[in-house]
Amino acid sequence: MPDRAVPAKPFKKPSGWARLPIALRVGAFLILLILLMVLASALNPTDPNATTPNRLAPIFSPGHPLGTDILGRDTLARVLAGAQNALYVGLVAVGIGLTAGLLLGVLAGYFGGWLDQILSVLLEALYALPALLIALLLAAIFNPGVTTSMVAIGLAAVPAFARVARAGVLSVKALPYIEAARALGMGHGRIMLKHVLPNIIGPLVVQASLAFAVAILAEAALSYLGLGTQPPNPSWGRMLREAQSYQELTPYPVIFPGLAIGLAVLGFNLLGDGLRDYLDPRKRS
């Protein structure tokens, strides 16, 4: 009896969540964990700054699932509160960088000429200054703290956002419908708001996600150096600095904030990479 050919099943493309890039899915999951940590911090009745006689308690201790530090403060409560602090600093810093960078980049790219040259020189000079140096300069004028770190990180992020915005404007402003809008007498402000900005939002969202990862890492570094969040307020970087002196006695006060920093930075980096792939029409086709 001759073998009968089995008809091949038609290939079905994945749909919904499965169609998203793996980096986007993993990044979204990690960021969801960070957001849950922030929510848990708001609902947690334990004061992260409250000291107890139970110092350097091991993990899974009664009332202290992640143990305590050298002052008897609950490690879990401080890690959760550190997540709230990290997201707050990241949001404000990225907001500063995005707002200022978008404004300068759009102006430089749209009008060009001498304005573009002047702004490009200023942005290149700012790009040469790292967030740490800006924080040192601000700390010399003002007191070190959360506000100083947010402003320093935000200013350091301005050139990257300006470059993305300028490149997007340069690729859009020469399109025929922009020329048609000018011919119809539409003003510059209306053209930028109605036709230019909607076409550069995608790259700016990707840059914002990547800048958020940098902001979290920079905040931890500044707090570790004493230029960011001041004691007794919890910060992941500050927790690492305080636990460094007694890490030979117990490693957990170092491990958990370090793990939180790693997960947050990895999550936003993966989210940015995934959004870049998802918004790229060449990779979606």
C-alpha atoms as a PDB file:
ATOM      1  CA  MET A   1       0.000   0.000   0.000  1.00  0.00           C
ATOM      2  CA  PRO A   2       1.606   3.288  -1.055  1.00  0.00           C
ATOM      3  CA  ASP A   3       2.458   5.791   1.637  1.00  0.00           C
ATOM      4  CA  ARG A   4       0.135   8.719   1.770  1.00  0.00           C
ATOM      5  CA  ALA A   5       1.679  12.128   2.083  1.00  0.00           C
ATOM      6  CA  VAL A   6       0.661  13.933   5.222  1.00  0.00           C
ATOM      7  CA  PRO A   7      -0.298  17.503   4.402  1.00  0.00           C
ATOM      8  CA  ALA A   8       1.870  20.040   6.173  1.00  0.00           C
ATOM      9  CA  LYS A   9       0.149  22.198   8.705  1.00  0.00           C
ATOM     10  CA  PRO A  10       0.201  25.874   7.876  1.00  0.00           C
ATOM     11  CA  PHE A  11       2.665  27.877   9.904  1.00  0.00           C
ATOM     12  CA  LYS A  12       0.979  30.165  12.361  1.00  0.00           C
ATOM     13  CA  LYS A  13       2.712  33.315  13.385  1.00  0.00           C
ATOM     14  CA  PRO A  14       2.770  33.980  17.115  1.00  0.00           C
ATOM     15  CA  SER A  15       0.325  36.603  18.252  1.00  0.00           C
ATOM     16  CA  GLY A  16      -0.072  38.947  21.171  1.00  0.00           C
ATOM     17  CA  TRP A  17       2.545  38.720  23.915  1.00  0.00           C
ATOM     18  CA  ALA A  18       4.499  36.009  22.078  1.00  0.00           C
ATOM     19  CA  ARG A  19       5.215  38.370  19.158  1.00  0.00           C
ATOM     20  CA  LEU A  20       7.096  40.822  21.352  1.00  0.00           C
ATOM     21  CA  PRO A  21      10.917  40.610  21.406  1.00  0.00           C
ATOM     22  CA  ILE A  22      12.273  38.405  24.184  1.00  0.00           C
ATOM     23  CA  ALA A  23      14.280  41.326  25.578  1.00  0.00           C
ATOM     24  CA  LEU A  24      11.105  43.394  25.840  1.00  0.00           C
ATOM     25  CA  ARG A  25       9.263  40.623  27.652  1.00  0.00           C
ATOM     26  CA  VAL A  26      12.062  39.920  30.127  1.00  0.00           C
ATOM     27  CA  GLY A  27      12.650  43.617  30.742  1.00  0.00           C
ATOM     28  CA  ALA A  28       8.959  44.250  31.353  1.00  0.00           C
ATOM     29  CA  PHE A  29       8.867  41.345  33.816  1.00  0.00           C
ATOM     30  CA  LEU A  30      11.870  42.645  35.781  1.00  0.00           C
ATOM     31  CA  ILE A  31      10.450  46.159  35.886  1.00  0.00           C
ATOM     32  CA  LEU A  32       7.172  44.719  37.115  1.00  0.00           C
ATOM     33  CA  LEU A  33       9.110  43.154  39.991  1.00  0.00           C
ATOM     34  CA  ILE A  34      10.614  46.546  40.833  1.00  0.00           C
ATOM     35  CA  LEU A  35       7.168  48.163  40.756  1.00  0.00           C
ATOM     36  CA  LEU A  36       5.862  45.449  43.053  1.00  0.00           C
ATOM     37  CA  MET A  37       8.720  46.238  45.410  1.00  0.00           C
ATOM     38  CA  VAL A  38       7.647  49.883  45.447  1.00  0.00           C
ATOM     39  CA  LEU A  39       4.068  48.851  46.160  1.00  0.00           C
ATOM     40  CA  ALA A  40       5.216  46.508  48.909  1.00  0.00           C
ATOM     41  CA  SER A  41       7.257  49.328  50.435  1.00  0.00           C
ATOM     42  CA  ALA A  42       4.145  51.525  50.612  1.00  0.00           C
ATOM     43  CA  LEU A  43       2.148  48.724  52.241  1.00  0.00           C
ATOM     44  CA  ASN A  44       4.905  47.434  54.529  1.00  0.00           C
ATOM     45  CA  PRO A  45       4.226  48.467  58.140  1.00  0.00           C
ATOM     46  CA  THR A  46       7.889  48.088  59.143  1.00  0.00           C
ATOM     47  CA  ASP A  47       9.823  51.342  59.449  1.00  0.00           C
ATOM     48  CA  PRO A  48      13.026  50.945  57.387  1.00  0.00           C
ATOM     49  CA  ASN A  49      14.877  53.305  59.749  1.00  0.00           C
ATOM     50  CA  ALA A  50      13.710  51.698  63.006  1.00  0.00           C
ATOM     51  CA  THR A  51      16.518  50.079  64.989  1.00  0.00           C
ATOM     52  CA  THR A  52      16.092  46.921  67.074  1.00  0.00           C
ATOM     53  CA  PRO A  53      18.310  45.009  69.518  1.00  0.00           C
ATOM     54  CA  ASN A  54      18.349  42.103  67.048  1.00  0.00           C
ATOM     55  CA  ARG A  55      21.482  43.130  65.160  1.00  0.00           C
ATOM     56  CA  LEU A  56      22.908  41.192  62.199  1.00  0.00           C
ATOM     57  CA  ALA A  57      20.033  38.733  62.329  1.00  0.00           C
ATOM     58  CA  PRO A  58      20.375  35.990  59.683  1.00  0.00           C
ATOM     59  CA  ILE A  59      17.904  35.560  56.858  1.00  0.00           C
ATOM     60  CA  PHE A  60      14.564  33.905  57.626  1.00  0.00           C
ATOM     61  CA  SER A  61      14.678  35.269  61.156  1.00  0.00           C
ATOM     62  CA  PRO A  62      11.268  35.785  62.811  1.00  0.00           C
ATOM     63  CA  GLY A  63      10.006  39.175  61.681  1.00  0.00           C
ATOM     64  CA  HIS A  64      13.062  39.734  59.459  1.00  0.00           C
ATOM     65  CA  PRO A  65      12.924  37.549  56.319  1.00  0.00           C
ATOM     66  CA  LEU A  66      16.135  39.063  54.893  1.00  0.00           C
ATOM     67  CA  GLY A  67      17.821  39.629  58.252  1.00  0.00           C
ATOM     68  CA  THR A  68      18.973  42.925  59.758  1.00  0.00           C
ATOM     69  CA  ASP A  69      21.995  45.187  59.465  1.00  0.00           C
ATOM     70  CA  ILE A  70      24.537  46.242  62.085  1.00  0.00           C
ATOM     71  CA  LEU A  71      22.009  48.643  63.659  1.00  0.00           C
ATOM     72  CA  GLY A  72      19.190  46.093  63.747  1.00  0.00           C
ATOM     73  CA  ARG A  73      17.255  47.673  60.868  1.00  0.00           C
ATOM     74  CA  ASP A  74      15.155  45.341  58.752  1.00  0.00           C
ATOM     75  CA  THR A  75      16.953  44.603  55.461  1.00  0.00           C
ATOM     76  CA  LEU A  76      13.764  43.764  53.560  1.00  0.00           C
ATOM     77  CA  ALA A  77      12.116  47.055  54.538  1.00  0.00           C
ATOM     78  CA  ARG A  78      15.218  48.999  53.528  1.00  0.00           C
ATOM     79  CA  VAL A  79      15.568  47.229  50.162  1.00  0.00           C
ATOM     80  CA  LEU A  80      11.908  47.921  49.387  1.00  0.00           C
ATOM     81  CA  ALA A  81      12.250  51.563  50.435  1.00  0.00           C
ATOM     82  CA  GLY A  82      15.404  51.763  48.315  1.00  0.00           C
ATOM     83  CA  ALA A  83      13.373  50.706  45.273  1.00  0.00           C
ATOM     84  CA  GLN A  84      10.981  53.571  45.912  1.00  0.00           C
ATOM     85  CA  ASN A  85      13.898  55.986  46.183  1.00  0.00           C
ATOM     86  CA  ALA A  86      15.571  54.650  43.016  1.00  0.00           C
ATOM     87  CA  LEU A  87      12.440  54.983  40.898  1.00  0.00           C
ATOM     88  CA  TYR A  88      11.753  58.468  42.244  1.00  0.00           C
ATOM     89  CA  VAL A  89      15.266  59.664  41.422  1.00  0.00           C
ATOM     90  CA  GLY A  90      15.125  57.954  38.028  1.00  0.00           C
ATOM     91  CA  LEU A  91      11.797  59.515  37.087  1.00  0.00           C
ATOM     92  CA  VAL A  92      12.859  63.040  38.013  1.00  0.00           C
ATOM     93  CA  ALA A  93      16.326  62.739  36.478  1.00  0.00           C
ATOM     94  CA  VAL A  94      15.025  61.261  33.212  1.00  0.00           C
ATOM     95  CA  GLY A  95      12.298  63.914  33.175  1.00  0.00           C
ATOM     96  CA  ILE A  96      14.926  66.660  33.435  1.00  0.00           C
ATOM     97  CA  GLY A  97      17.084  65.121  30.722  1.00  0.00           C
ATOM     98  CA  LEU A  98      14.151  64.405  28.403  1.00  0.00           C
ATOM     99  CA  THR A  99      12.560  67.849  28.722  1.00  0.00           C
ATOM    100  CA  ALA A 100      15.749  69.863  28.292  1.00  0.00           C
ATOM    101  CA  GLY A 101      17.234  67.537  25.670  1.00  0.00           C
ATOM    102  CA  LEU A 102      14.041  67.438  23.617  1.00  0.00           C
ATOM    103  CA  LEU A 103      13.748  71.220  23.615  1.00  0.00           C
ATOM    104  CA  LEU A 104      17.381  71.818  22.640  1.00  0.00           C
ATOM    105  CA  GLY A 105      17.481  69.002  20.098  1.00  0.00           C
ATOM    106  CA  VAL A 106      14.293  70.071  18.335  1.00  0.00           C
ATOM    107  CA  LEU A 107      15.418  73.700  18.159  1.00  0.00           C
ATOM    108  CA  ALA A 108      18.858  72.749  16.851  1.00  0.00           C
ATOM    109  CA  GLY A 109      17.552  70.307  14.274  1.00  0.00           C
ATOM    110  CA  TYR A 110      14.605  72.329  13.037  1.00  0.00           C
ATOM    111  CA  PHE A 111      16.171  75.775  12.673  1.00  0.00           C
ATOM    112  CA  GLY A 112      19.781  74.703  12.007  1.00  0.00           C
ATOM    113  CA  GLY A 113      22.344  77.336  11.108  1.00  0.00           C
ATOM    114  CA  TRP A 114      24.088  79.305  13.840  1.00  0.00           C
ATOM    115  CA  LEU A 115      21.616  78.107  16.469  1.00  0.00           C
ATOM    116  CA  ASP A 116      22.476  74.494  15.689  1.00  0.00           C
ATOM    117  CA  GLN A 117      26.196  75.236  15.893  1.00  0.00           C
ATOM    118  CA  ILE A 118      25.950  77.031  19.245  1.00  0.00           C
ATOM    119  CA  LEU A 119      23.730  74.388  20.828  1.00  0.00           C
ATOM    120  CA  SER A 120      25.924  71.587  19.490  1.00  0.00           C
ATOM    121  CA  VAL A 121      28.999  73.132  21.110  1.00  0.00           C
ATOM    122  CA  LEU A 122      27.193  73.584  24.424  1.00  0.00           C
ATOM    123  CA  LEU A 123      25.859  70.006  24.359  1.00  0.00           C
ATOM    124  CA  GLU A 124      29.284  68.579  23.527  1.00  0.00           C
ATOM    125  CA  ALA A 125      30.757  70.488  26.480  1.00  0.00           C
ATOM    126  CA  LEU A 126      28.025  69.136  28.764  1.00  0.00           C
ATOM    127  CA  TYR A 127      28.515  65.636  27.344  1.00  0.00           C
ATOM    128  CA  ALA A 128      32.138  65.747  28.491  1.00  0.00           C
ATOM    129  CA  LEU A 129      31.042  66.219  32.111  1.00  0.00           C
ATOM    130  CA  PRO A 130      30.030  62.977  33.868  1.00  0.00           C
ATOM    131  CA  ALA A 131      27.251  62.922  36.434  1.00  0.00           C
ATOM    132  CA  LEU A 132      29.783  62.462  39.240  1.00  0.00           C
ATOM    133  CA  LEU A 133      31.620  65.671  38.367  1.00  0.00           C
ATOM    134  CA  ILE A 134      28.351  67.592  38.038  1.00  0.00           C
ATOM    135  CA  ALA A 135      27.263  66.244  41.429  1.00  0.00           C
ATOM    136  CA  LEU A 136      30.549  67.350  42.980  1.00  0.00           C
ATOM    137  CA  LEU A 137      30.098  70.842  41.558  1.00  0.00           C
ATOM    138  CA  LEU A 138      26.512  71.057  42.796  1.00  0.00           C
ATOM    139  CA  ALA A 139      27.475  69.652  46.210  1.00  0.00           C
ATOM    140  CA  ALA A 140      30.109  72.369  46.524  1.00  0.00           C
ATOM    141  CA  ILE A 141      27.413  75.003  45.975  1.00  0.00           C
ATOM    142  CA  PHE A 142      24.481  73.294  47.659  1.00  0.00           C
ATOM    143  CA  ASN A 143      24.257  70.473  50.167  1.00  0.00           C
ATOM    144  CA  PRO A 144      24.615  66.909  48.886  1.00  0.00           C
ATOM    145  CA  GLY A 145      21.350  65.002  48.813  1.00  0.00           C
ATOM    146  CA  VAL A 146      18.645  63.517  46.650  1.00  0.00           C
ATOM    147  CA  THR A 147      17.935  66.798  44.856  1.00  0.00           C
ATOM    148  CA  THR A 148      21.600  67.251  44.000  1.00  0.00           C
ATOM    149  CA  SER A 149      21.853  63.740  42.580  1.00  0.00           C
ATOM    150  CA  MET A 150      18.646  64.099  40.542  1.00  0.00           C
ATOM    151  CA  VAL A 151      19.747  67.372  38.971  1.00  0.00           C
ATOM    152  CA  ALA A 152      23.257  66.046  38.277  1.00  0.00           C
ATOM    153  CA  ILE A 153      22.001  62.844  36.644  1.00  0.00           C
ATOM    154  CA  GLY A 154      19.388  64.774  34.678  1.00  0.00           C
ATOM    155  CA  LEU A 155      21.893  67.305  33.336  1.00  0.00           C
ATOM    156  CA  ALA A 156      24.268  64.515  32.348  1.00  0.00           C
ATOM    157  CA  ALA A 157      21.449  62.898  30.339  1.00  0.00           C
ATOM    158  CA  VAL A 158      20.556  66.048  28.366  1.00  0.00           C
ATOM    159  CA  PRO A 159      23.101  65.595  25.510  1.00  0.00           C
ATOM    160  CA  ALA A 160      21.946  62.038  24.720  1.00  0.00           C
ATOM    161  CA  PHE A 161      18.291  63.089  24.477  1.00  0.00           C
ATOM    162  CA  ALA A 162      19.243  66.166  22.431  1.00  0.00           C
ATOM    163  CA  ARG A 163      21.182  64.036  19.943  1.00  0.00           C
ATOM    164  CA  VAL A 164      18.258  61.657  19.475  1.00  0.00           C
ATOM    165  CA  ALA A 165      15.795  64.518  19.068  1.00  0.00           C
ATOM    166  CA  ARG A 166      18.036  66.425  16.651  1.00  0.00           C
ATOM    167  CA  ALA A 167      18.650  63.367  14.486  1.00  0.00           C
ATOM    168  CA  GLY A 168      14.928  62.648  14.368  1.00  0.00           C
ATOM    169  CA  VAL A 169      14.061  66.221  13.410  1.00  0.00           C
ATOM    170  CA  LEU A 170      16.686  66.276  10.656  1.00  0.00           C
ATOM    171  CA  SER A 171      15.196  63.136   9.109  1.00  0.00           C
ATOM    172  CA  VAL A 172      11.628  64.470   9.299  1.00  0.00           C
ATOM    173  CA  LYS A 173      11.851  68.166   8.423  1.00  0.00           C
ATOM    174  CA  ALA A 174      12.873  67.515   4.816  1.00  0.00           C
ATOM    175  CA  LEU A 175       9.825  65.333   4.080  1.00  0.00           C
ATOM    176  CA  PRO A 176       7.310  66.639   1.519  1.00  0.00           C
ATOM    177  CA  TYR A 177       4.417  67.088   3.926  1.00  0.00           C
ATOM    178  CA  ILE A 178       6.545  69.381   6.115  1.00  0.00           C
ATOM    179  CA  GLU A 179       7.285  71.519   3.076  1.00  0.00           C
ATOM    180  CA  ALA A 180       3.583  71.486   2.232  1.00  0.00           C
ATOM    181  CA  ALA A 181       2.719  72.647   5.754  1.00  0.00           C
ATOM    182  CA  ARG A 182       5.135  75.548   5.419  1.00  0.00           C
ATOM    183  CA  ALA A 183       3.675  76.441   2.025  1.00  0.00           C
ATOM    184  CA  LEU A 184       0.199  76.558   3.581  1.00  0.00           C
ATOM    185  CA  GLY A 185       1.443  79.123   6.094  1.00  0.00           C
ATOM    186  CA  MET A 186       1.527  76.868   9.136  1.00  0.00           C
ATOM    187  CA  GLY A 187       3.729  78.315  11.897  1.00  0.00           C
ATOM    188  CA  HIS A 188       6.927  76.713  13.151  1.00  0.00           C
ATOM    189  CA  GLY A 189       5.476  75.873  16.550  1.00  0.00           C
ATOM    190  CA  ARG A 190       2.449  74.141  15.103  1.00  0.00           C
ATOM    191  CA  ILE A 191       4.584  72.199  12.620  1.00  0.00           C
ATOM    192  CA  MET A 192       6.861  70.944  15.400  1.00  0.00           C
ATOM    193  CA  LEU A 193       3.976  69.951  17.656  1.00  0.00           C
ATOM    194  CA  LYS A 194       1.732  68.406  15.012  1.00  0.00           C
ATOM    195  CA  HIS A 195       4.144  66.878  12.499  1.00  0.00           C
ATOM    196  CA  VAL A 196       7.654  66.643  13.957  1.00  0.00           C
ATOM    197  CA  LEU A 197       7.226  65.498  17.563  1.00  0.00           C
ATOM    198  CA  PRO A 198       4.901  62.539  16.829  1.00  0.00           C
ATOM    199  CA  ASN A 199       7.539  61.110  14.477  1.00  0.00           C
ATOM    200  CA  ILE A 200      10.394  61.171  16.995  1.00  0.00           C
ATOM    201  CA  ILE A 201       8.573  59.839  20.057  1.00  0.00           C
ATOM    202  CA  GLY A 202       9.659  56.234  19.444  1.00  0.00           C
ATOM    203  CA  PRO A 203      13.435  56.832  19.634  1.00  0.00           C
ATOM    204  CA  LEU A 204      12.941  59.115  22.629  1.00  0.00           C
ATOM    205  CA  VAL A 205      11.020  56.398  24.509  1.00  0.00           C
ATOM    206  CA  VAL A 206      13.846  53.952  23.843  1.00  0.00           C
ATOM    207  CA  GLN A 207      16.417  56.486  25.033  1.00  0.00           C
ATOM    208  CA  ALA A 208      14.341  57.214  28.144  1.00  0.00           C
ATOM    209  CA  SER A 209      14.319  53.524  29.089  1.00  0.00           C
ATOM    210  CA  LEU A 210      18.084  53.249  28.668  1.00  0.00           C
ATOM    211  CA  ALA A 211      18.601  56.533  30.548  1.00  0.00           C
ATOM    212  CA  PHE A 212      16.480  55.186  33.413  1.00  0.00           C
ATOM    213  CA  ALA A 213      18.929  52.297  33.840  1.00  0.00           C
ATOM    214  CA  VAL A 214      21.847  54.733  33.881  1.00  0.00           C
ATOM    215  CA  ALA A 215      20.016  56.955  36.384  1.00  0.00           C
ATOM    216  CA  ILE A 216      19.447  54.088  38.825  1.00  0.00           C
ATOM    217  CA  LEU A 217      23.081  53.037  38.612  1.00  0.00           C
ATOM    218  CA  ALA A 218      24.307  56.634  38.939  1.00  0.00           C
ATOM    219  CA  GLU A 219      22.076  57.265  41.952  1.00  0.00           C
ATOM    220  CA  ALA A 220      23.466  54.178  43.667  1.00  0.00           C
ATOM    221  CA  ALA A 221      27.030  55.296  42.904  1.00  0.00           C
ATOM    222  CA  LEU A 222      26.430  58.836  44.168  1.00  0.00           C
ATOM    223  CA  SER A 223      24.768  57.570  47.336  1.00  0.00           C
ATOM    224  CA  TYR A 224      27.648  55.164  47.872  1.00  0.00           C
ATOM    225  CA  LEU A 225      30.052  58.118  47.685  1.00  0.00           C
ATOM    226  CA  GLY A 226      27.906  60.200  50.046  1.00  0.00           C
ATOM    227  CA  LEU A 227      26.656  62.646  47.405  1.00  0.00           C
ATOM    228  CA  GLY A 228      23.166  61.213  47.003  1.00  0.00           C
ATOM    229  CA  THR A 229      20.607  60.016  49.524  1.00  0.00           C
ATOM    230  CA  GLN A 230      21.716  60.945  53.013  1.00  0.00           C
ATOM    231  CA  PRO A 231      21.371  58.737  56.128  1.00  0.00           C
ATOM    232  CA  PRO A 232      19.249  57.438  57.660  1.00  0.00           C
ATOM    233  CA  ASN A 233      17.081  57.361  54.510  1.00  0.00           C
ATOM    234  CA  PRO A 234      17.562  54.058  52.673  1.00  0.00           C
ATOM    235  CA  SER A 235      19.237  53.884  49.289  1.00  0.00           C
ATOM    236  CA  TRP A 236      20.677  50.833  47.606  1.00  0.00           C
ATOM    237  CA  GLY A 237      24.043  52.517  47.146  1.00  0.00           C
ATOM    238  CA  ARG A 238      24.082  53.804  50.706  1.00  0.00           C
ATOM    239  CA  MET A 239      23.227  50.321  52.004  1.00  0.00           C
ATOM    240  CA  LEU A 240      26.202  48.882  50.121  1.00  0.00           C
ATOM    241  CA  ARG A 241      28.528  51.458  51.651  1.00  0.00           C
ATOM    242  CA  GLU A 242      27.288  50.884  55.187  1.00  0.00           C
ATOM    243  CA  ALA A 243      27.391  47.081  54.891  1.00  0.00           C
ATOM    244  CA  GLN A 244      30.882  47.046  53.392  1.00  0.00           C
ATOM    245  CA  SER A 245      32.492  47.541  56.794  1.00  0.00           C
ATOM    246  CA  TYR A 246      30.983  44.372  58.274  1.00  0.00           C
ATOM    247  CA  GLN A 247      30.494  42.135  55.241  1.00  0.00           C
ATOM    248  CA  GLU A 248      32.858  39.568  56.796  1.00  0.00           C
ATOM    249  CA  LEU A 249      30.297  39.031  59.565  1.00  0.00           C
ATOM    250  CA  THR A 250      27.297  38.602  57.264  1.00  0.00           C
ATOM    251  CA  PRO A 251      27.122  39.081  53.487  1.00  0.00           C
ATOM    252  CA  TYR A 252      23.362  39.503  53.167  1.00  0.00           C
ATOM    253  CA  PRO A 253      23.170  43.304  53.708  1.00  0.00           C
ATOM    254  CA  VAL A 254      25.500  43.559  50.688  1.00  0.00           C
ATOM    255  CA  ILE A 255      23.930  40.867  48.512  1.00  0.00           C
ATOM    256  CA  PHE A 256      20.313  42.038  48.526  1.00  0.00           C
ATOM    257  CA  PRO A 257      20.770  45.733  47.585  1.00  0.00           C
ATOM    258  CA  GLY A 258      23.380  44.732  45.021  1.00  0.00           C
ATOM    259  CA  LEU A 259      20.957  42.212  43.538  1.00  0.00           C
ATOM    260  CA  ALA A 260      18.219  44.856  43.438  1.00  0.00           C
ATOM    261  CA  ILE A 261      20.500  47.281  41.567  1.00  0.00           C
ATOM    262  CA  GLY A 262      21.437  44.581  39.080  1.00  0.00           C
ATOM    263  CA  LEU A 263      17.839  43.555  38.402  1.00  0.00           C
ATOM    264  CA  ALA A 264      16.641  47.142  37.975  1.00  0.00           C
ATOM    265  CA  VAL A 265      19.455  48.131  35.605  1.00  0.00           C
ATOM    266  CA  LEU A 266      19.112  44.899  33.624  1.00  0.00           C
ATOM    267  CA  GLY A 267      15.345  45.325  33.384  1.00  0.00           C
ATOM    268  CA  PHE A 268      15.442  48.840  31.951  1.00  0.00           C
ATOM    269  CA  ASN A 269      18.299  47.978  29.589  1.00  0.00           C
ATOM    270  CA  LEU A 270      16.398  44.987  28.241  1.00  0.00           C
ATOM    271  CA  LEU A 271      13.248  47.079  27.975  1.00  0.00           C
ATOM    272  CA  GLY A 272      15.105  49.690  25.930  1.00  0.00           C
ATOM    273  CA  ASP A 273      16.634  47.055  23.633  1.00  0.00           C
ATOM    274  CA  GLY A 274      13.268  45.354  23.217  1.00  0.00           C
ATOM    275  CA  LEU A 275      11.464  48.606  22.449  1.00  0.00           C
ATOM    276  CA  ARG A 276      14.111  49.485  19.884  1.00  0.00           C
ATOM    277  CA  ASP A 277      13.573  46.156  18.107  1.00  0.00           C
ATOM    278  CA  TYR A 278       9.787  46.369  18.397  1.00  0.00           C
ATOM    279  CA  LEU A 279       9.590  49.914  17.036  1.00  0.00           C
ATOM    280  CA  ASP A 280      11.951  49.152  14.156  1.00  0.00           C
ATOM    281  CA  PRO A 281       9.734  48.379  11.126  1.00  0.00           C
ATOM    282  CA  ARG A 282      12.542  46.436   9.449  1.00  0.00           C
ATOM    283  CA  LYS A 283      12.629  43.915  12.309  1.00  0.00           C
ATOM    284  CA  ARG A 284       8.849  43.664  12.624  1.00  0.00           C
ATOM    285  CA  SER A 285       8.320  42.793   8.984  1.00  0.00           C
END
